[in-house]
N, C-alpha and C. Protein backbone atom coordinates (compact mmCIF):
# COMPACT_ATOMS: atom_id res chain seq x y z
N MET A 1 -89.21 93.35 -3.32
CA MET A 1 -90.16 92.48 -4.12
C MET A 1 -89.72 90.97 -3.80
N SER A 2 -90.56 90.25 -3.42
CA SER A 2 -90.45 88.85 -3.03
C SER A 2 -90.21 88.00 -4.09
N LYS A 3 -91.31 87.54 -4.95
CA LYS A 3 -90.97 86.64 -5.90
C LYS A 3 -90.96 87.04 -7.45
N LYS A 4 -90.41 88.41 -7.46
CA LYS A 4 -90.20 89.00 -8.61
C LYS A 4 -89.80 87.92 -9.89
N SER A 5 -88.80 87.31 -9.76
CA SER A 5 -88.00 86.38 -10.49
C SER A 5 -88.84 85.39 -11.07
N LYS A 6 -89.83 84.97 -10.26
CA LYS A 6 -90.62 83.74 -10.55
C LYS A 6 -91.49 84.10 -11.39
N PHE A 7 -92.05 85.39 -11.60
CA PHE A 7 -93.16 85.82 -12.43
C PHE A 7 -92.83 86.53 -13.64
N VAL A 8 -91.62 86.68 -13.78
CA VAL A 8 -91.06 87.59 -14.97
C VAL A 8 -91.72 87.00 -16.35
N GLY A 9 -92.22 87.77 -17.07
CA GLY A 9 -92.66 87.07 -18.43
C GLY A 9 -93.98 86.30 -18.18
N GLN A 10 -94.59 86.20 -17.10
CA GLN A 10 -95.69 85.49 -17.06
C GLN A 10 -96.84 86.48 -16.76
N SER A 11 -97.97 86.26 -17.37
CA SER A 11 -99.19 87.32 -17.18
C SER A 11 -99.68 87.17 -15.89
N PHE A 12 -99.99 88.32 -15.42
CA PHE A 12 -100.69 88.42 -13.95
C PHE A 12 -101.93 87.72 -13.87
N GLU A 13 -102.78 87.60 -15.15
CA GLU A 13 -104.05 86.88 -15.16
C GLU A 13 -103.82 85.43 -14.80
N LEU A 14 -102.93 84.74 -15.18
CA LEU A 14 -102.75 83.27 -14.62
C LEU A 14 -102.37 83.11 -13.10
N LEU A 15 -102.31 84.11 -12.45
CA LEU A 15 -102.16 84.01 -10.98
C LEU A 15 -103.36 84.16 -10.07
N PRO A 16 -103.46 83.48 -9.00
CA PRO A 16 -104.58 83.35 -8.24
C PRO A 16 -104.75 84.86 -7.52
N ILE A 17 -106.04 85.18 -7.41
CA ILE A 17 -106.40 86.68 -6.98
C ILE A 17 -105.45 87.07 -5.85
N ALA A 18 -105.09 86.32 -4.87
CA ALA A 18 -104.25 86.89 -3.80
C ALA A 18 -102.73 87.16 -4.17
N GLU A 19 -102.31 86.45 -5.12
CA GLU A 19 -100.99 86.48 -5.57
C GLU A 19 -101.10 87.64 -6.51
N ARG A 20 -102.10 87.80 -7.33
CA ARG A 20 -102.13 88.87 -8.33
C ARG A 20 -102.26 90.28 -7.59
N ALA A 21 -103.08 90.20 -6.57
CA ALA A 21 -103.15 91.56 -5.73
C ALA A 21 -101.76 91.82 -5.26
N GLN A 22 -101.15 90.95 -4.77
CA GLN A 22 -99.58 91.17 -4.23
C GLN A 22 -98.88 91.67 -5.30
N GLN A 23 -98.72 91.02 -6.49
CA GLN A 23 -97.89 91.39 -7.71
C GLN A 23 -98.35 92.82 -7.92
N TYR A 24 -99.43 93.33 -7.73
CA TYR A 24 -99.89 94.53 -8.09
C TYR A 24 -99.33 95.57 -7.35
N ARG A 25 -99.34 95.15 -5.80
CA ARG A 25 -98.77 95.88 -4.77
C ARG A 25 -97.23 96.16 -5.18
N GLU A 26 -96.61 95.04 -5.53
CA GLU A 26 -95.15 95.12 -5.77
C GLU A 26 -94.98 96.09 -6.90
N MET A 27 -95.78 96.18 -7.82
CA MET A 27 -95.41 97.01 -8.87
C MET A 27 -95.66 98.45 -8.62
N ALA A 28 -96.67 98.74 -7.49
CA ALA A 28 -96.57 99.85 -7.06
C ALA A 28 -95.73 100.41 -6.19
N ASP A 29 -94.96 99.54 -5.46
CA ASP A 29 -93.88 99.79 -4.75
C ASP A 29 -92.74 100.04 -5.61
N ALA A 30 -92.43 99.22 -6.48
CA ALA A 30 -91.18 99.49 -7.33
C ALA A 30 -91.62 100.96 -8.07
N THR A 31 -92.79 101.26 -8.81
CA THR A 31 -93.00 102.44 -9.51
C THR A 31 -92.85 103.59 -8.20
N LEU A 32 -93.30 103.55 -7.24
CA LEU A 32 -93.07 104.70 -6.26
C LEU A 32 -91.46 104.78 -5.92
N LEU A 33 -90.76 103.86 -5.68
CA LEU A 33 -89.35 103.80 -5.52
C LEU A 33 -88.75 104.70 -6.69
N LYS A 34 -89.15 104.42 -7.87
CA LYS A 34 -88.50 104.94 -9.09
C LYS A 34 -88.96 106.52 -9.19
N ALA A 35 -90.12 106.80 -8.67
CA ALA A 35 -90.61 108.15 -8.56
C ALA A 35 -89.82 108.94 -7.74
N HIS A 36 -89.39 108.46 -6.58
CA HIS A 36 -88.61 109.17 -5.52
C HIS A 36 -87.27 109.41 -5.98
N SER A 37 -86.69 108.67 -6.99
CA SER A 37 -85.40 108.77 -7.46
C SER A 37 -85.34 109.76 -8.60
N LEU A 38 -86.47 110.26 -9.09
CA LEU A 38 -86.47 111.14 -10.26
C LEU A 38 -86.40 112.60 -9.89
N GLU A 39 -85.77 113.36 -10.81
CA GLU A 39 -85.74 114.85 -10.42
C GLU A 39 -86.71 115.57 -11.26
N ASP A 40 -86.86 114.98 -12.55
CA ASP A 40 -87.91 115.67 -13.43
C ASP A 40 -89.26 115.81 -12.77
N PRO A 41 -90.12 116.84 -12.58
CA PRO A 41 -91.23 116.91 -11.85
C PRO A 41 -92.31 116.32 -12.55
N LEU A 42 -92.32 116.38 -13.91
CA LEU A 42 -93.15 115.79 -14.57
C LEU A 42 -93.27 114.31 -14.65
N LEU A 43 -91.99 113.65 -15.10
CA LEU A 43 -91.67 112.23 -14.76
C LEU A 43 -92.08 111.71 -13.45
N LYS A 44 -91.69 112.34 -12.31
CA LYS A 44 -92.00 112.06 -10.98
C LYS A 44 -93.51 112.03 -10.93
N SER A 45 -94.30 112.95 -11.34
CA SER A 45 -95.67 112.92 -11.08
C SER A 45 -96.30 111.81 -12.07
N GLN A 46 -95.70 111.20 -13.00
CA GLN A 46 -96.43 110.52 -14.05
C GLN A 46 -96.27 109.00 -13.03
N TYR A 47 -94.92 108.82 -12.55
CA TYR A 47 -94.59 107.70 -12.05
C TYR A 47 -95.51 107.49 -10.73
N LEU A 48 -95.75 108.73 -10.05
CA LEU A 48 -96.67 108.64 -8.82
C LEU A 48 -98.12 108.10 -9.16
N ASP A 49 -98.30 108.86 -10.24
CA ASP A 49 -99.87 108.25 -10.86
C ASP A 49 -99.79 106.83 -11.12
N MET A 50 -98.81 106.33 -11.81
CA MET A 50 -98.63 104.86 -12.10
C MET A 50 -98.83 104.03 -10.69
N ALA A 51 -98.01 104.61 -9.80
CA ALA A 51 -97.88 103.75 -8.66
C ALA A 51 -99.55 103.86 -7.96
N THR A 52 -100.06 104.95 -8.03
CA THR A 52 -101.42 105.00 -7.28
C THR A 52 -102.30 104.05 -8.14
N ARG A 53 -102.18 103.90 -9.37
CA ARG A 53 -103.16 102.98 -9.97
C ARG A 53 -102.80 101.67 -10.00
N TRP A 54 -101.55 101.23 -9.62
CA TRP A 54 -101.35 99.98 -9.54
C TRP A 54 -101.93 99.43 -8.06
N HIS A 55 -101.70 100.36 -7.14
CA HIS A 55 -102.23 100.06 -5.87
C HIS A 55 -104.01 99.94 -5.71
N LEU A 56 -104.46 100.83 -6.71
CA LEU A 56 -105.96 100.94 -6.69
C LEU A 56 -106.41 99.33 -7.51
N LEU A 57 -105.69 99.06 -8.48
CA LEU A 57 -106.01 97.77 -9.00
C LEU A 57 -105.80 96.62 -8.08
N ALA A 58 -104.94 96.75 -7.05
CA ALA A 58 -104.84 95.73 -6.10
C ALA A 58 -106.02 95.84 -5.07
N GLN A 59 -106.56 97.26 -4.83
CA GLN A 59 -107.79 97.04 -3.83
C GLN A 59 -109.06 96.79 -4.58
N GLU A 60 -109.14 97.06 -5.91
CA GLU A 60 -110.32 96.74 -6.59
C GLU A 60 -110.26 95.29 -6.73
N LEU A 61 -109.34 94.37 -6.90
CA LEU A 61 -109.26 93.04 -6.94
C LEU A 61 -109.59 92.45 -5.80
N GLU A 62 -108.93 92.95 -4.56
CA GLU A 62 -109.29 92.44 -3.37
C GLU A 62 -110.84 92.67 -2.91
N ALA A 63 -111.51 93.75 -3.47
CA ALA A 63 -112.76 93.94 -3.16
C ALA A 63 -113.85 93.19 -3.96
N GLY A 64 -113.41 92.42 -4.75
CA GLY A 64 -114.10 91.54 -5.61
C GLY A 64 -114.51 92.01 -6.86
N ASN A 65 -114.05 93.12 -7.28
CA ASN A 65 -114.35 93.84 -8.68
C ASN A 65 -113.61 93.16 -9.75
N ALA A 66 -113.94 93.18 -11.02
CA ALA A 66 -113.44 92.57 -12.13
C ALA A 66 -112.02 93.21 -12.28
N ASP A 67 -111.19 92.33 -12.73
CA ASP A 67 -109.83 92.96 -12.89
C ASP A 67 -109.73 93.12 -14.44
N PRO A 68 -109.42 94.41 -14.81
CA PRO A 68 -109.48 94.79 -16.05
C PRO A 68 -108.11 94.15 -16.90
N GLU A 69 -107.27 93.56 -16.04
CA GLU A 69 -106.13 92.64 -16.65
C GLU A 69 -106.64 91.57 -17.38
N VAL A 70 -107.70 90.88 -16.99
CA VAL A 70 -108.18 89.61 -17.39
C VAL A 70 -109.50 89.94 -18.41
N MET A 71 -109.05 89.33 -19.55
CA MET A 71 -109.99 89.62 -20.48
C MET A 71 -111.07 88.51 -20.48
N PRO A 72 -112.32 88.99 -20.44
CA PRO A 72 -113.51 88.11 -20.52
C PRO A 72 -113.49 87.12 -21.57
N GLY A 73 -114.06 85.92 -21.27
CA GLY A 73 -114.22 84.93 -22.38
C GLY A 73 -115.07 85.21 -23.49
N PRO A 74 -115.26 84.55 -24.60
CA PRO A 74 -116.02 84.93 -25.65
C PRO A 74 -117.61 84.82 -25.02
N VAL A 75 -118.20 85.68 -25.47
CA VAL A 75 -119.88 85.43 -25.28
C VAL A 75 -120.44 84.42 -26.11
N PRO A 76 -121.02 83.49 -25.65
CA PRO A 76 -121.72 82.37 -26.44
C PRO A 76 -122.73 83.09 -27.03
N VAL A 77 -122.74 82.56 -28.51
CA VAL A 77 -123.76 83.20 -29.42
C VAL A 77 -124.97 82.00 -29.37
N PRO A 78 -126.29 82.27 -29.04
CA PRO A 78 -127.13 81.21 -29.25
C PRO A 78 -127.36 80.74 -30.57
N GLN A 79 -127.63 79.50 -30.56
CA GLN A 79 -127.91 78.72 -32.21
C GLN A 79 -129.39 79.07 -32.43
N ARG A 80 -129.42 79.52 -33.75
CA ARG A 80 -130.82 80.00 -34.22
C ARG A 80 -131.35 78.71 -34.63
N GLN A 81 -132.54 78.51 -34.30
CA GLN A 81 -133.32 77.42 -34.85
C GLN A 81 -133.80 77.60 -36.27
N PRO A 82 -133.69 76.73 -37.14
CA PRO A 82 -134.25 76.87 -38.48
C PRO A 82 -135.79 77.44 -38.61
N VAL A 83 -135.99 78.45 -39.18
CA VAL A 83 -137.47 78.59 -39.17
C VAL A 83 -138.34 77.67 -40.39
N LYS A 84 -139.34 77.29 -39.78
CA LYS A 84 -140.10 76.28 -40.48
C LYS A 84 -141.13 76.96 -41.44
N ASP A 85 -141.24 76.70 -42.58
CA ASP A 85 -142.10 77.30 -43.56
C ASP A 85 -143.60 76.67 -43.20
N PRO A 86 -144.44 77.70 -43.17
CA PRO A 86 -145.89 77.13 -42.48
C PRO A 86 -146.50 76.41 -43.80
N LYS A 87 -146.04 76.68 -44.93
CA LYS A 87 -146.47 76.15 -46.15
C LYS A 87 -146.03 74.68 -46.38
N THR A 88 -144.99 74.40 -45.79
CA THR A 88 -144.37 73.14 -46.19
C THR A 88 -144.94 72.02 -45.08
N PRO A 89 -145.61 70.90 -45.43
CA PRO A 89 -146.01 70.04 -44.52
C PRO A 89 -144.96 69.21 -43.78
N SER A 90 -145.06 68.80 -42.61
CA SER A 90 -144.17 68.41 -41.55
C SER A 90 -144.06 66.81 -41.96
């Protein structure tokens, strides 16, 4: 893992896309290594699944798909114009 200490405690969403994808791949690598060190078949399976998901996140991001890590901003609510009473003269 190349720049691990630089990003500890920092949200991935603050990184540029290329760096974020790289971080996802590094998480996949770390998780895969952990999976290979485990003897419990259930835990090993869960870690392999997690490694696969980190790798898929990197692929999705590189393909230009939305990153679920990044929360979309608030949706602007259109301002309502006051309704003019037709009985009231202007």
